[in-house]
Each structure stands twice: as structure tokens, then as C-alpha cells.
Amino acid sequence: MTGIIIGIMLTVALEGVILAATPLIMPPTECFTVTVPPSAKGDPRIRPLFRTHTVIVAACTLIGIVCVALLLPTNDDILVTMGMLAATVLPVTASFVYMLHARKLVQAIKREEGWTASPSHTAAIISDETIPRPIPLAWELLHLAVVLALVAFALLAYDRLPDQIPMHAGFDGAVTDYADKSLRVVMFPAIVAAFMGAAFAFSHWSIIHSKRPVDPEAPATSALAYGQFARAQSIVMLAGGLLLSCVIGVTFFLSSLGTIQLGTAGTIVMAASLLFVVPEIWVSLHYGQAGGRLAGELRSSDGIARDDDRYWVLGIFYFNRDDPSIFVPKRFGSGWTLNCGRPVAWATIGLFALVMAGFVIASFFAAG
């Protein structure tokens, strides 16, 4: 139980770290989802907004950690799950609400100062040969190898597995639910690995086909910075996805064979999740969102070459029917989001919902 407690606390704390740092890792021309000159972030009216956001998110994260710590000793799975959900949602909600507040203030300052994009259209052409790219999508086939390995092991070890397979344990580590051994039950890890492989492969594909932002005021450096960020993200996601799939499969079979307790298996999976999350956070903090931090260090001018504020609803939803891109870098947070102005984006959302529903149904039947 100690390992689970530590894992939960670290997970909530790490989420708080990346949320608190979100405004600071955005590109130099974006401040609380508003396009501004890079020097605006040092404006005495804007600078305190960053500190306030950090304090609010940190306080909400601490409250979440305390709530989980108080609920864990009760050993009530429902209460603990609700506490974990609250601890996860509270910092996210606080960060978003404060972002909207700060966004209005920055928009008012922008109007007052007359910060606008240059009236002249500036274009930039960068040779792909000089820009780092995400690793090839073919690497995702390694997930298929993991799935096949789990299927093969399930078939070979079937006779050695007990008649009752532990499927669920409480936060105290005690098994609370078993399933009768069957082929569909022992294939459960392969189903999870297949779903995770598909999800990570789709994420990898979206990175490869995402819009590559280029700052016309610093085209070479911004393209280089984004390329390094995208490549690092693709590597971390591939390695993290493979690690999680392997760990989930191995610990499931070890707990089924009685080599380790199911609660111990949960602790190991949580440790593997942290090994995935930490590099993700490092990439975001080191490069900045879409390479924004690195690009900011290399940028020499203080102008606004392009202003896309009108396309961002509430600062997080991108609607631009004239933009052929389906995926674009987020304006608040790390990673990518959909261009909701493209019909194919909604088709993608629907397809994801269908895949998610299929996974839930398959997991339900596999679990007995």
C-alpha cells in the first residue's frame, strides 16, 4: 500500500508541476493564449499574472494531495477513487479558469498598447532537410510485436495458470475480484496492449502530420525548435507506450501465477507510468510547448508577424476552415489539438469514441 500511496502522490504532484509551468513554456509570442510581442511577458501588468497562476495551481495541487492522503487510510475504494478524481480535476479546472481571467486582462492590454501583426505579409520557406523530424511511424510496429508476444505467452502458459485469475485489488492491496480462467480472460493484457498501441500510433501519426508553426520573424530557429520538440515527443511516447504495454502484460501474468501480489503489480505499473510521465514533463519544460522556449531564446526581434487570436475559442479550441491542417500545437498546454473547423476533425473524434467504446466492451468481456 505504501508504494501505491507514493505513486498517487507523485502523479498528482507531477501534474501540478506541468500545469503550474504551462504559461511559462508557451511560445514567446503567446501569453495566456493571446498573441503578443515577446517583450510583453516582462510587462509589469502581465508578469504578476504568471506568479498568480503558479500559486493557484500549486495550492490546488496541494489540496488534492492532502485529500487523497486523508482518504487512503479509509480503504474505501469509492471514496479514494473520488478523491483521486478530484485531485486530478481541481488543478486542471483552476488553471483553465484562471487562464480565461488572465486572457481577458492581456487582451485589454493588447488593445490599449495597439499590439498588432505587421500589415505586410511575410512568408518563410525552410528546407525539410535541415529540420529534425519525428521518428518514422514504422517504429510503432513494435507495439504489434508486444501484442503477439502477450498472445503467445497466454497460449503457452494457459495450463499453468490457476482456475481463478485475480482481476482487481483495493488500495490496500487485497484482491477484491476474481475471474474464472478462460481464453478471453488471459488475453486481457493483449487487448490492453493492442488498444494502447493503436492510441500511441495515432498520436505519433498526428505529430507527423501536424501543422509545423514557423515564426516569420525567425523562420529557421522556430522551425528547428519545433522539429526538436516534435522528435523528442515522438521518441518519449514510443518508449513510454512500449514500456507500459510490457509492464502491464508481465505483471498481469506474474500476479496470475502467484509470483507477485496483484497490489504489487499495480505499484509496478504506477512506477512505469511515472517513468513515462517524467520524460514527457522534461521535454515540455526543456523545449517549451512546440519548441517555444528554445525558439524564444534564439529570437532576436520583438515583432508580431502573425495573429491567430480570432481562430482560438476560449484559447483552447481552434476553428479555422481555411487552414488545411487537422492537427495544430496547443495554445495553452503541451502537445497538439484538433482544428475543429475541418469536418475530418469531427470524424476523427467520432472514430476515437468508437474505438474507445470497443475497447471498453472488449475489456468488460475479457474480464469475465
Foldseek 3Di string as FASTA:
>chain_A
DVLLLVLLLVVLVLLLVQLLCFQVQFAQQFGLLFGFFSCVCVPPVNVVLSVVLNVQLVVLLVVLSVLLVVPLVVLPQVSNVVSSVSNNVRSVVSSLVSSLVSVVVVVVVCVVVVADADPDAFDDDDDPVVAAAADDLVLLCVLVVLLVVQLVCCVVCVVLFDQWAQDDDTLVLHGDDTDGDDSLQSSLLSLVSVLLSVVLSVQLVLLRQADQDAQSLHRVQLRRLLNVLSRLVNVLSSVLSVQLSNLLSVLRVCCRNVVDGNSVSVSSSSVSVVVSSVSVSVSCVVQGASSNVRSVVVRDDRGHNDTPSVQADSQFAGEDLPDPGQWYTGSGGHGIDGHVNDPVNVVVVVVVVVSVVVSVVSSVVSRD
